[in-house]
Amino acid sequence: MPERRRSAQQKRTVAERARGRCEYCLSPAAFSPDPFAVEHIHPLAEGGPTRLTNLAYSCQGCNNAKYTHTTALDPTTGERVPLYHPRQHRWSEHFTWSEDFLELEGRTPIGRATVAQLRLNRPGVRNLRGLLRL
């Protein structure tokens, strides 16, 4: 049976690899009132392994919104597409910042679907981005 629990070493490695930021919305853990999670990109419930290649550092908002989803609808085309995968995709290819740096915008179907599904521009994250810009 595969290992289901993340080890302390895996958690440290994932947090360091992410440079202390959510790998989806890029919020810094240092300014979060809630602890970040080391989440399974491909969910355990669907056979996802507990290996570094399948683990991502995630704020609670992104982790809760992602839940066990691996696909979502692109709001522009209505097609079901994969969500952003931090180990397989480059963030800058799928996302860009709005002119005021308060919102993330999807550049691709994967980016747009991820912004919508994970609610990457939820009010608390927008507020944090605005405060960090000061």
Protein backbone atom coordinates (compact mmCIF):
# COMPACT_ATOMS: atom_id res chain seq x y z
CA MET A 1 0.00 0.00 0.00
CA PRO A 2 1.44 3.42 -0.91
CA GLU A 3 2.40 5.94 1.78
CA ARG A 4 -0.59 8.25 2.38
CA ARG A 5 0.75 10.66 5.00
CA ARG A 6 3.20 13.38 4.15
CA SER A 7 6.39 13.14 6.18
CA ALA A 8 7.82 16.12 8.03
CA GLN A 9 10.73 16.13 5.57
CA GLN A 10 8.37 16.15 2.57
CA LYS A 11 6.44 19.07 4.08
CA ARG A 12 9.65 21.07 4.64
CA THR A 13 10.90 20.29 1.14
CA VAL A 14 7.60 21.32 -0.49
CA ALA A 15 7.42 24.58 1.50
CA GLU A 16 11.04 25.43 0.66
CA ARG A 17 10.57 24.57 -3.01
CA ALA A 18 7.57 26.94 -3.09
CA ARG A 19 9.64 29.65 -1.36
CA GLY A 20 6.93 29.99 1.28
CA ARG A 21 4.19 30.93 -1.18
CA CYS A 22 1.00 29.23 -2.29
CA GLU A 23 1.82 27.58 -5.59
CA TYR A 24 -1.55 28.65 -7.02
CA CYS A 25 -2.36 32.23 -5.89
CA LEU A 26 1.23 33.09 -4.82
CA SER A 27 0.14 34.40 -1.41
CA PRO A 28 2.99 34.31 1.13
CA ALA A 29 2.52 31.96 4.08
CA ALA A 30 4.21 34.51 6.37
CA PHE A 31 1.16 36.80 6.08
CA SER A 32 -1.55 34.16 6.33
CA PRO A 33 -3.65 33.77 9.48
CA ASP A 34 -4.10 30.08 8.62
CA PRO A 35 -1.44 27.42 8.17
CA PHE A 36 -0.67 26.32 4.63
CA ALA A 37 -1.23 22.75 3.50
CA VAL A 38 0.92 20.36 1.55
CA GLU A 39 -1.71 19.06 -0.83
CA HIS A 40 -1.91 16.23 -3.32
CA ILE A 41 -2.16 17.72 -6.82
CA HIS A 42 -3.65 14.47 -8.09
CA PRO A 43 -5.86 13.49 -5.13
CA LEU A 44 -5.28 10.47 -2.95
CA ALA A 45 -8.91 9.53 -3.55
CA GLU A 46 -8.07 9.07 -7.22
CA GLY A 47 -4.84 7.18 -6.61
CA GLY A 48 -2.48 10.15 -6.45
CA PRO A 49 0.82 9.22 -4.79
CA THR A 50 2.40 10.90 -1.78
CA ARG A 51 5.56 11.84 -3.66
CA LEU A 52 7.24 15.20 -4.09
CA THR A 53 6.19 15.22 -7.75
CA ASN A 54 2.53 15.18 -6.65
CA LEU A 55 2.69 17.60 -3.71
CA ALA A 56 2.12 21.35 -3.73
CA TYR A 57 2.22 24.08 -1.08
CA SER A 58 -1.22 25.64 -0.86
CA CYS A 59 -3.03 28.27 1.18
CA GLN A 60 -6.26 27.12 2.78
CA GLY A 61 -8.41 29.08 0.32
CA CYS A 62 -6.86 27.44 -2.74
CA ASN A 63 -6.67 24.03 -1.08
CA ASN A 64 -10.35 24.13 -0.09
CA ALA A 65 -11.48 25.33 -3.52
CA LYS A 66 -9.38 22.75 -5.34
CA TYR A 67 -10.47 19.90 -3.07
CA THR A 68 -10.29 16.81 -5.32
CA HIS A 69 -10.75 18.66 -8.62
CA THR A 70 -8.21 18.07 -11.34
CA THR A 71 -10.25 19.65 -14.15
CA ALA A 72 -12.62 22.61 -14.46
CA LEU A 73 -14.52 24.54 -17.09
CA ASP A 74 -12.73 27.27 -19.02
CA PRO A 75 -15.15 30.19 -18.56
CA THR A 76 -14.33 31.49 -22.06
CA THR A 77 -14.85 28.33 -24.10
CA GLY A 78 -16.98 26.22 -21.74
CA GLU A 79 -14.64 23.28 -22.32
CA ARG A 80 -13.43 21.07 -19.47
CA VAL A 81 -9.65 21.41 -19.15
CA PRO A 82 -6.99 20.33 -16.63
CA LEU A 83 -6.29 22.59 -13.68
CA TYR A 84 -2.85 24.14 -13.32
CA HIS A 85 -0.35 21.52 -12.13
CA PRO A 86 2.61 23.13 -10.31
CA ARG A 87 4.97 20.26 -11.15
CA GLN A 88 4.06 20.03 -14.85
CA HIS A 89 3.18 23.57 -15.91
CA ARG A 90 5.01 26.89 -15.80
CA TRP A 91 3.04 29.48 -13.82
CA SER A 92 4.00 32.36 -16.13
CA GLU A 93 2.65 30.54 -19.19
CA HIS A 94 -0.83 30.25 -17.71
CA PHE A 95 -1.22 33.37 -15.55
CA THR A 96 -0.46 37.06 -15.61
CA TRP A 97 -1.16 39.95 -13.25
CA SER A 98 -3.72 42.67 -13.86
CA GLU A 99 -2.30 46.15 -14.41
CA ASP A 100 -2.77 47.02 -10.71
CA PHE A 101 -1.34 43.62 -9.58
CA LEU A 102 -4.45 42.87 -7.53
CA GLU A 103 -5.89 40.14 -9.74
CA LEU A 104 -4.58 37.09 -11.49
CA GLU A 105 -5.72 36.62 -15.06
CA GLY A 106 -5.67 33.36 -16.95
CA ARG A 107 -3.68 33.48 -20.18
CA THR A 108 -4.70 29.99 -21.34
CA PRO A 109 -7.69 27.69 -20.89
CA ILE A 110 -5.80 26.04 -18.00
CA GLY A 111 -5.13 29.42 -16.40
CA ARG A 112 -8.70 30.69 -16.82
CA ALA A 113 -10.20 27.46 -15.46
CA THR A 114 -7.83 27.51 -12.48
CA VAL A 115 -8.57 31.17 -11.68
CA ALA A 116 -12.28 30.36 -11.67
CA GLN A 117 -12.20 27.00 -9.85
CA LEU A 118 -9.73 28.03 -7.14
CA ARG A 119 -11.21 31.54 -6.85
CA LEU A 120 -7.71 33.02 -7.13
CA ASN A 121 -9.11 36.57 -6.88
CA ARG A 122 -11.25 36.05 -3.78
CA PRO A 123 -11.62 39.19 -1.61
CA GLY A 124 -9.16 38.17 1.12
CA VAL A 125 -6.39 37.45 -1.38
CA ARG A 126 -7.05 40.72 -3.24
CA ASN A 127 -6.89 42.61 0.07
CA LEU A 128 -3.59 40.94 0.97
CA ARG A 129 -2.12 41.79 -2.43
CA GLY A 130 -3.14 45.42 -1.98
CA LEU A 131 -1.56 45.62 1.48
CA LEU A 132 1.65 43.99 0.33
CA ARG A 133 1.96 46.57 -2.45
CA LEU A 134 2.00 49.48 0.02
